[in-house]
């Protein structure tokens, strides 16, 4: 009887862990499916490049202590923001 409860518990845990694997986050664009993370990453990188141009035009870029790290963090934040706004049901 105890072994039967263990088997049921293992099956329930496996079903719970695999419940999020039902669909892939892909978007149909121009007749082809692209992974959603790739589109969000491209948008995050584009936001970092645009913000770099704005900061350079304003003269703030020269005051940044670690520009590569700053722009990397901006790109990651932009990527996560796009993901949250696009897929955050």
C-alpha atoms as a PDB file:
ATOM      1  CA  UNK A   1       0.000   0.000   0.000  1.00  0.00           C
ATOM      2  CA  UNK A   2       2.825   2.409   0.846  1.00  0.00           C
ATOM      3  CA  UNK A   3       4.587   1.724  -2.469  1.00  0.00           C
ATOM      4  CA  UNK A   4       1.372   2.531  -4.331  1.00  0.00           C
ATOM      5  CA  UNK A   5       1.150   5.937  -2.620  1.00  0.00           C
ATOM      6  CA  UNK A   6       4.766   6.625  -3.546  1.00  0.00           C
ATOM      7  CA  UNK A   7       4.083   5.828  -7.202  1.00  0.00           C
ATOM      8  CA  UNK A   8       1.042   8.119  -7.249  1.00  0.00           C
ATOM      9  CA  UNK A   9       3.048  10.916  -5.619  1.00  0.00           C
ATOM     10  CA  UNK A  10       5.857  10.553  -8.164  1.00  0.00           C
ATOM     11  CA  UNK A  11       3.353  10.689 -11.031  1.00  0.00           C
ATOM     12  CA  UNK A  12       1.682  13.786  -9.585  1.00  0.00           C
ATOM     13  CA  UNK A  13       5.008  15.584  -9.164  1.00  0.00           C
ATOM     14  CA  UNK A  14       6.039  14.661 -12.716  1.00  0.00           C
ATOM     15  CA  UNK A  15       2.723  15.904 -14.114  1.00  0.00           C
ATOM     16  CA  UNK A  16       3.066  19.159 -12.185  1.00  0.00           C
ATOM     17  CA  UNK A  17       6.616  19.728 -13.444  1.00  0.00           C
ATOM     18  CA  UNK A  18       5.716  18.969 -17.058  1.00  0.00           C
ATOM     19  CA  UNK A  19       2.515  21.047 -17.121  1.00  0.00           C
ATOM     20  CA  UNK A  20       4.390  24.108 -18.432  1.00  0.00           C
ATOM     21  CA  UNK A  21       5.772  22.183 -21.409  1.00  0.00           C
ATOM     22  CA  UNK A  22       2.473  22.027 -23.289  1.00  0.00           C
ATOM     23  CA  UNK A  23       3.219  24.752 -25.840  1.00  0.00           C
ATOM     24  CA  UNK A  24       6.326  26.386 -27.181  1.00  0.00           C
ATOM     25  CA  UNK A  25       6.615  30.181 -27.047  1.00  0.00           C
ATOM     26  CA  UNK A  26       6.972  30.677 -30.788  1.00  0.00           C
ATOM     27  CA  UNK A  27       5.504  33.470 -32.874  1.00  0.00           C
ATOM     28  CA  UNK A  28       4.313  33.183 -36.460  1.00  0.00           C
ATOM     29  CA  UNK A  29       6.054  35.958 -38.380  1.00  0.00           C
ATOM     30  CA  UNK A  30       6.039  36.112 -42.170  1.00  0.00           C
ATOM     31  CA  UNK A  31       4.964  32.474 -42.404  1.00  0.00           C
ATOM     32  CA  UNK A  32       7.762  31.116 -40.231  1.00  0.00           C
ATOM     33  CA  UNK A  33       7.866  30.366 -36.525  1.00  0.00           C
ATOM     34  CA  UNK A  34      10.569  32.169 -34.551  1.00  0.00           C
ATOM     35  CA  UNK A  35      11.420  31.417 -30.941  1.00  0.00           C
ATOM     36  CA  UNK A  36       9.961  34.144 -28.763  1.00  0.00           C
ATOM     37  CA  UNK A  37      13.146  34.546 -26.711  1.00  0.00           C
ATOM     38  CA  UNK A  38      15.040  35.450 -29.882  1.00  0.00           C
ATOM     39  CA  UNK A  39      12.589  38.214 -30.753  1.00  0.00           C
ATOM     40  CA  UNK A  40      12.621  39.556 -27.192  1.00  0.00           C
ATOM     41  CA  UNK A  41      16.435  39.523 -27.144  1.00  0.00           C
ATOM     42  CA  UNK A  42      16.588  41.445 -30.419  1.00  0.00           C
ATOM     43  CA  UNK A  43      14.189  44.036 -28.993  1.00  0.00           C
ATOM     44  CA  UNK A  44      16.279  44.322 -25.805  1.00  0.00           C
ATOM     45  CA  UNK A  45      19.501  44.827 -27.756  1.00  0.00           C
ATOM     46  CA  UNK A  46      17.805  47.395 -29.969  1.00  0.00           C
ATOM     47  CA  UNK A  47      16.605  49.277 -26.896  1.00  0.00           C
ATOM     48  CA  UNK A  48      20.151  49.321 -25.467  1.00  0.00           C
ATOM     49  CA  UNK A  49      21.573  50.633 -28.759  1.00  0.00           C
ATOM     50  CA  UNK A  50      18.928  53.354 -28.980  1.00  0.00           C
ATOM     51  CA  UNK A  51      19.456  54.367 -25.351  1.00  0.00           C
ATOM     52  CA  UNK A  52      23.226  54.494 -25.935  1.00  0.00           C
ATOM     53  CA  UNK A  53      22.699  56.899 -28.830  1.00  0.00           C
ATOM     54  CA  UNK A  54      20.416  59.073 -26.705  1.00  0.00           C
ATOM     55  CA  UNK A  55      22.869  59.133 -23.791  1.00  0.00           C
ATOM     56  CA  UNK A  56      25.753  59.954 -26.144  1.00  0.00           C
ATOM     57  CA  UNK A  57      23.796  62.805 -27.702  1.00  0.00           C
ATOM     58  CA  UNK A  58      23.036  64.204 -24.244  1.00  0.00           C
ATOM     59  CA  UNK A  59      26.660  63.856 -23.122  1.00  0.00           C
ATOM     60  CA  UNK A  60      25.843  61.477 -20.270  1.00  0.00           C
ATOM     61  CA  UNK A  61      27.735  58.548 -21.801  1.00  0.00           C
ATOM     62  CA  UNK A  62      31.115  59.898 -20.673  1.00  0.00           C
ATOM     63  CA  UNK A  63      30.061  59.841 -17.008  1.00  0.00           C
ATOM     64  CA  UNK A  64      29.206  56.133 -16.919  1.00  0.00           C
ATOM     65  CA  UNK A  65      31.635  54.141 -14.781  1.00  0.00           C
ATOM     66  CA  UNK A  66      31.310  50.799 -16.608  1.00  0.00           C
ATOM     67  CA  UNK A  67      29.580  51.402 -19.960  1.00  0.00           C
ATOM     68  CA  UNK A  68      29.690  47.773 -21.224  1.00  0.00           C
ATOM     69  CA  UNK A  69      28.137  46.492 -18.016  1.00  0.00           C
ATOM     70  CA  UNK A  70      25.589  49.305 -17.999  1.00  0.00           C
ATOM     71  CA  UNK A  71      24.473  48.626 -21.567  1.00  0.00           C
ATOM     72  CA  UNK A  72      24.414  44.878 -20.962  1.00  0.00           C
ATOM     73  CA  UNK A  73      22.089  45.441 -18.001  1.00  0.00           C
ATOM     74  CA  UNK A  74      19.920  47.761 -20.099  1.00  0.00           C
ATOM     75  CA  UNK A  75      19.687  45.090 -22.820  1.00  0.00           C
ATOM     76  CA  UNK A  76      18.724  42.405 -20.289  1.00  0.00           C
ATOM     77  CA  UNK A  77      16.153  44.704 -18.671  1.00  0.00           C
ATOM     78  CA  UNK A  78      14.711  45.552 -22.083  1.00  0.00           C
ATOM     79  CA  UNK A  79      14.544  41.867 -23.005  1.00  0.00           C
ATOM     80  CA  UNK A  80      12.743  40.955 -19.802  1.00  0.00           C
ATOM     81  CA  UNK A  81      10.381  43.910 -20.127  1.00  0.00           C
ATOM     82  CA  UNK A  82       9.409  42.914 -23.678  1.00  0.00           C
ATOM     83  CA  UNK A  83       8.922  39.315 -22.531  1.00  0.00           C
ATOM     84  CA  UNK A  84       6.748  40.443 -19.627  1.00  0.00           C
ATOM     85  CA  UNK A  85       4.632  42.773 -21.747  1.00  0.00           C
ATOM     86  CA  UNK A  86       4.287  40.296 -24.632  1.00  0.00           C
ATOM     87  CA  UNK A  87       3.782  37.024 -22.739  1.00  0.00           C
ATOM     88  CA  UNK A  88       2.841  38.116 -19.208  1.00  0.00           C
ATOM     89  CA  UNK A  89      -0.760  37.023 -19.298  1.00  0.00           C
END
